[in-house]
């Protein structure tokens, strides 16, 4: 009956258009099946990390949650048998800059207590100038950052609000790559220096560590795969003897993001294996 009524109404409308000298509108042309969405590597958001020990035991899981602007808002952490160990929450200002990170520790499977929180301050260029960590409202550590021409040149780490426990001073080459770092340890009373060299594509190639006497303590060498991810890290002593070496073997998804990384040590023993799960979205 409803179908008959609809047909009658349609007929009346057609007659009215003809009587007024109008022309009936043609039916819309079907648009067909929407084109499939094509994603790139940068469209991926890391949703989960699962890390296994050399015996295949899952001992660490991290789950990431994002808001509708793609910003990380929660990082939940689990241990063996998926037992909750804690989580971190993140807050942002109107400019999308992280302003607060709060860390919680698991008391039971469902109950959490606040462990500490870190607030962040920025300069007019959007660089972090200060990170302040507090426990129960008391400042326990402060990291202050200083920049020149957009590059970090000084980093001071305070215990409490006044004692500088350590300080890092950075130098850069004309290409903007960090070439030197001097670490002043006021707790131990010593100073160390690291110097860096890079590949032609800007990847860290070697890191030489020097002691107070200016002599080399160790040398760390890096090598990479075609995707720019580190596949080998080797550490040598002052005489060039190998101290340790690790090899990373990667598996990638269709978009080029890592979905598995297996670590092997220089003696052939297996290290950890981490699996990564990604979510792809536009915008």
Protein backbone atom coordinates (compact mmCIF):
# COMPACT_ATOMS: atom_id res chain seq x y z
CA UNK A 1 0.00 0.00 0.00
CA UNK A 2 2.84 2.40 0.90
CA UNK A 3 4.53 1.55 -2.38
CA UNK A 4 1.34 2.36 -4.31
CA UNK A 5 0.98 5.70 -2.51
CA UNK A 6 4.55 6.61 -3.28
CA UNK A 7 4.01 5.85 -6.96
CA UNK A 8 0.89 8.03 -7.02
CA UNK A 9 2.73 10.94 -5.38
CA UNK A 10 5.53 10.58 -7.89
CA UNK A 11 3.04 10.66 -10.73
CA UNK A 12 1.37 13.83 -9.40
CA UNK A 13 4.75 15.57 -9.15
CA UNK A 14 5.59 14.64 -12.73
CA UNK A 15 2.22 16.00 -13.96
CA UNK A 16 2.72 19.24 -12.03
CA UNK A 17 6.12 19.77 -13.64
CA UNK A 18 4.68 19.22 -17.11
CA UNK A 19 1.75 21.57 -16.45
CA UNK A 20 4.14 24.34 -15.40
CA UNK A 21 6.37 23.79 -18.40
CA UNK A 22 9.17 22.35 -16.20
CA UNK A 23 11.53 19.51 -16.97
CA UNK A 24 11.90 16.51 -14.72
CA UNK A 25 15.32 16.19 -13.04
CA UNK A 26 17.23 13.10 -14.17
CA UNK A 27 18.13 10.48 -11.61
CA UNK A 28 21.60 11.04 -10.13
CA UNK A 29 24.37 9.10 -11.78
CA UNK A 30 25.76 6.45 -9.41
CA UNK A 31 29.23 7.39 -8.25
CA UNK A 32 30.37 3.79 -7.93
CA UNK A 33 32.60 2.31 -5.25
CA UNK A 34 34.71 4.90 -3.38
CA UNK A 35 38.40 4.76 -4.15
CA UNK A 36 40.37 2.81 -1.54
CA UNK A 37 42.28 4.89 1.00
CA UNK A 38 46.03 4.74 0.49
CA UNK A 39 48.22 5.01 3.58
CA UNK A 40 51.87 5.91 3.98
CA UNK A 41 54.38 5.14 6.71
CA UNK A 42 53.66 8.49 8.39
CA UNK A 43 49.96 7.64 8.69
CA UNK A 44 50.80 4.88 11.17
CA UNK A 45 50.26 5.26 14.91
CA UNK A 46 51.94 2.79 17.22
CA UNK A 47 49.25 0.99 19.22
CA UNK A 48 51.12 -1.77 21.02
CA UNK A 49 54.60 -3.08 21.85
CA UNK A 50 55.11 -6.63 23.07
CA UNK A 51 58.59 -7.65 24.25
CA UNK A 52 59.67 -11.28 24.74
CA UNK A 53 62.81 -12.59 26.42
CA UNK A 54 65.23 -15.05 24.80
CA UNK A 55 63.03 -17.97 25.91
CA UNK A 56 59.94 -16.54 24.26
CA UNK A 57 58.30 -15.33 27.48
CA UNK A 58 56.23 -12.18 27.08
CA UNK A 59 57.38 -9.94 29.92
CA UNK A 60 56.44 -6.42 28.80
CA UNK A 61 53.46 -4.96 26.97
CA UNK A 62 52.83 -1.28 26.28
CA UNK A 63 49.51 -0.05 24.88
CA UNK A 64 49.20 3.47 23.46
CA UNK A 65 46.03 5.55 23.27
CA UNK A 66 45.52 8.75 21.26
CA UNK A 67 42.99 11.58 21.15
CA UNK A 68 41.10 12.70 18.04
CA UNK A 69 44.05 14.92 17.08
CA UNK A 70 46.46 12.01 17.06
CA UNK A 71 48.22 13.01 20.30
CA UNK A 72 49.35 10.37 22.75
CA UNK A 73 47.17 10.63 25.87
CA UNK A 74 47.84 7.35 27.67
CA UNK A 75 50.60 4.75 27.81
CA UNK A 76 49.54 1.63 29.72
CA UNK A 77 52.22 -0.84 30.82
CA UNK A 78 51.88 -4.53 31.70
CA UNK A 79 54.29 -7.19 32.91
CA UNK A 80 54.34 -11.00 32.97
CA UNK A 81 50.90 -12.61 32.56
CA UNK A 82 49.55 -9.21 31.48
CA UNK A 83 49.69 -7.96 35.07
CA UNK A 84 49.30 -4.14 35.13
CA UNK A 85 52.44 -2.34 36.29
CA UNK A 86 51.36 1.25 35.70
CA UNK A 87 50.45 3.86 33.15
CA UNK A 88 51.30 7.39 32.09
CA UNK A 89 48.82 10.08 31.06
CA UNK A 90 49.62 13.15 28.96
CA UNK A 91 48.05 16.61 28.69
CA UNK A 92 48.57 19.31 26.05
CA UNK A 93 48.02 23.03 25.61
CA UNK A 94 46.07 24.74 22.81
CA UNK A 95 49.20 24.69 20.64
CA UNK A 96 49.52 20.93 20.92
CA UNK A 97 52.55 21.05 23.22
CA UNK A 98 52.82 18.50 26.00
CA UNK A 99 52.37 20.29 29.32
CA UNK A 100 52.00 17.47 31.83
CA UNK A 101 52.91 13.80 32.18
CA UNK A 102 51.58 11.93 35.20
CA UNK A 103 52.95 8.50 36.07
CA UNK A 104 50.84 5.99 38.00
CA UNK A 105 51.94 2.69 39.54
CA UNK A 106 49.62 -0.32 39.83
CA UNK A 107 48.69 -1.33 43.37
CA UNK A 108 46.30 -4.09 42.23
CA UNK A 109 44.82 -5.14 38.89
CA UNK A 110 42.40 -2.22 39.10
CA UNK A 111 43.85 0.25 41.60
CA UNK A 112 46.59 2.76 40.81
CA UNK A 113 48.37 5.45 42.79
CA UNK A 114 50.21 8.49 41.49
CA UNK A 115 53.98 7.95 41.40
CA UNK A 116 55.17 11.35 40.14
CA UNK A 117 54.30 14.04 37.62
CA UNK A 118 56.38 16.12 35.24
CA UNK A 119 55.32 19.52 33.90
CA UNK A 120 56.88 21.21 30.87
CA UNK A 121 57.57 24.83 29.95
CA UNK A 122 58.40 26.25 26.51
CA UNK A 123 59.94 29.31 24.91
CA UNK A 124 58.31 31.36 22.15
CA UNK A 125 59.82 29.05 19.52
CA UNK A 126 58.21 25.96 21.03
CA UNK A 127 61.40 24.53 22.56
CA UNK A 128 61.19 22.88 25.97
CA UNK A 129 62.97 25.11 28.48
CA UNK A 130 62.15 23.31 31.71
CA UNK A 131 60.86 19.94 32.94
CA UNK A 132 59.87 19.83 36.62
CA UNK A 133 59.14 16.52 38.37
CA UNK A 134 57.21 16.46 41.64
CA UNK A 135 56.07 13.85 44.15
CA UNK A 136 53.15 14.81 46.37
CA UNK A 137 53.67 18.43 45.36
CA UNK A 138 57.37 18.49 46.29
CA UNK A 139 59.93 19.17 43.56
CA UNK A 140 62.35 16.24 43.27
CA UNK A 141 64.13 17.11 40.02
CA UNK A 142 64.36 19.85 37.42
CA UNK A 143 65.89 19.76 33.95
CA UNK A 144 66.62 23.15 32.37
CA UNK A 145 67.36 23.53 28.65
CA UNK A 146 69.13 26.36 26.83
CA UNK A 147 69.13 26.91 23.06
CA UNK A 148 71.02 28.90 20.47
CA UNK A 149 69.76 29.25 16.90
CA UNK A 150 67.20 26.56 17.64
CA UNK A 151 69.79 24.01 18.81
CA UNK A 152 70.09 22.67 22.35
CA UNK A 153 73.44 23.82 23.76
CA UNK A 154 73.09 23.26 27.51
CA UNK A 155 71.15 20.88 29.75
CA UNK A 156 71.28 21.08 33.55
CA UNK A 157 69.82 18.34 35.75
CA UNK A 158 68.95 19.43 39.29
CA UNK A 159 68.29 17.28 42.33
CA UNK A 160 65.54 19.16 44.06
CA UNK A 161 65.48 22.77 42.91
CA UNK A 162 69.02 24.02 43.45
CA UNK A 163 71.75 21.34 43.30
CA UNK A 164 73.04 20.73 39.77
CA UNK A 165 73.73 16.99 39.76
CA UNK A 166 74.92 16.92 36.15
CA UNK A 167 75.28 19.18 33.15
CA UNK A 168 75.58 18.50 29.43
CA UNK A 169 77.08 20.96 26.95
CA UNK A 170 76.50 20.38 23.22
CA UNK A 171 78.28 21.58 20.08
CA UNK A 172 77.16 21.25 16.46
CA UNK A 173 78.59 21.26 12.97
CA UNK A 174 77.54 23.53 10.12
CA UNK A 175 74.97 20.94 9.05
CA UNK A 176 73.26 21.04 12.46
CA UNK A 177 74.44 17.62 13.60
CA UNK A 178 75.68 17.29 17.17
CA UNK A 179 79.46 16.83 17.11
CA UNK A 180 80.46 17.08 20.77
CA UNK A 181 78.94 16.56 24.20
CA UNK A 182 80.68 17.35 27.48
CA UNK A 183 79.12 15.77 30.57
CA UNK A 184 79.95 17.25 33.97
CA UNK A 185 79.03 14.91 36.82
CA UNK A 186 78.94 16.86 40.08
CA UNK A 187 77.94 13.76 42.02
CA UNK A 188 81.06 11.80 41.04
CA UNK A 189 83.24 14.84 40.42
CA UNK A 190 84.34 13.86 36.93
CA UNK A 191 83.94 15.06 33.35
CA UNK A 192 83.55 12.97 30.21
CA UNK A 193 83.37 13.96 26.57
CA UNK A 194 81.75 12.35 23.55
CA UNK A 195 82.47 13.19 19.93
CA UNK A 196 80.24 12.12 17.06
CA UNK A 197 80.65 11.45 13.34
CA UNK A 198 77.90 10.80 10.81
CA UNK A 199 77.20 9.09 7.52
CA UNK A 200 76.64 11.16 4.37
CA UNK A 201 72.89 10.81 4.98
CA UNK A 202 73.17 12.19 8.53
CA UNK A 203 72.97 8.95 10.54
CA UNK A 204 75.22 8.54 13.59
CA UNK A 205 78.25 6.51 12.53
CA UNK A 206 80.63 6.58 15.51
CA UNK A 207 80.65 7.84 19.10
CA UNK A 208 84.03 8.24 20.81
CA UNK A 209 84.06 8.63 24.60
CA UNK A 210 86.96 10.45 26.31
CA UNK A 211 87.98 10.64 29.97
CA UNK A 212 89.29 13.54 32.05
CA UNK A 213 92.79 12.95 30.69
CA UNK A 214 91.64 13.38 27.10
CA UNK A 215 92.25 9.73 26.22
CA UNK A 216 89.70 7.52 24.48
CA UNK A 217 87.74 5.30 26.86
CA UNK A 218 85.57 3.55 24.30
CA UNK A 219 84.30 3.72 20.74
CA UNK A 220 80.79 2.83 19.64
CA UNK A 221 80.06 2.13 15.98
CA UNK A 222 76.64 2.03 14.32
CA UNK A 223 75.41 0.55 11.05
CA UNK A 224 71.97 0.76 9.42
CA UNK A 225 69.69 -0.94 6.94
CA UNK A 226 68.21 0.67 3.83
CA UNK A 227 65.36 2.07 5.95
CA UNK A 228 67.74 3.96 8.23
CA UNK A 229 67.18 1.73 11.26
CA UNK A 230 70.15 0.56 13.34
CA UNK A 231 71.07 -3.05 12.54
CA UNK A 232 74.35 -3.29 14.44
CA UNK A 233 75.91 -1.60 17.45
CA UNK A 234 79.46 -2.48 18.45
CA UNK A 235 81.38 -1.15 21.47
CA UNK A 236 85.19 -1.26 21.56
CA UNK A 237 87.64 -0.48 24.36
CA UNK A 238 90.50 2.02 24.19
CA UNK A 239 92.77 -0.53 22.50
CA UNK A 240 90.20 -1.48 19.89
CA UNK A 241 89.10 -4.74 21.48
CA UNK A 242 85.44 -5.66 21.09
CA UNK A 243 83.51 -5.28 24.34
CA UNK A 244 80.04 -6.09 23.04
CA UNK A 245 78.00 -6.14 19.88
CA UNK A 246 74.30 -6.47 19.17
CA UNK A 247 72.53 -7.19 15.90
CA UNK A 248 68.96 -6.10 15.20
CA UNK A 249 66.89 -7.99 12.63
CA UNK A 250 63.74 -6.20 11.45
CA UNK A 251 60.51 -7.19 9.77
CA UNK A 252 58.47 -4.38 8.21
CA UNK A 253 54.80 -3.98 7.38
CA UNK A 254 53.51 -2.98 3.93
CA UNK A 255 53.95 0.72 4.73
CA UNK A 256 57.52 0.53 6.00
CA UNK A 257 57.00 0.59 9.77
CA UNK A 258 58.76 -1.96 11.95
CA UNK A 259 56.51 -4.79 13.08
CA UNK A 260 59.21 -6.99 14.62
CA UNK A 261 62.75 -6.51 15.94
CA UNK A 262 64.83 -9.48 17.11
CA UNK A 263 68.13 -8.85 18.95
CA UNK A 264 71.14 -11.16 18.78
CA UNK A 265 74.34 -10.70 20.80
CA UNK A 266 77.92 -11.00 19.55
CA UNK A 267 78.31 -14.45 21.16
CA UNK A 268 75.36 -15.73 19.14
CA UNK A 269 72.93 -15.75 22.04
CA UNK A 270 69.43 -14.45 21.54
CA UNK A 271 68.29 -11.22 23.12
CA UNK A 272 64.82 -9.75 23.28
CA UNK A 273 62.25 -9.74 20.50
CA UNK A 274 59.77 -6.88 20.25
CA UNK A 275 56.62 -6.90 18.15
CA UNK A 276 54.94 -3.64 17.11
CA UNK A 277 51.31 -3.19 16.16
CA UNK A 278 50.25 -0.14 14.16
CA UNK A 279 46.97 1.61 13.43
CA UNK A 280 46.65 3.55 10.19
CA UNK A 281 44.47 6.62 9.85
CA UNK A 282 44.32 9.77 7.78
CA UNK A 283 44.44 13.15 9.46
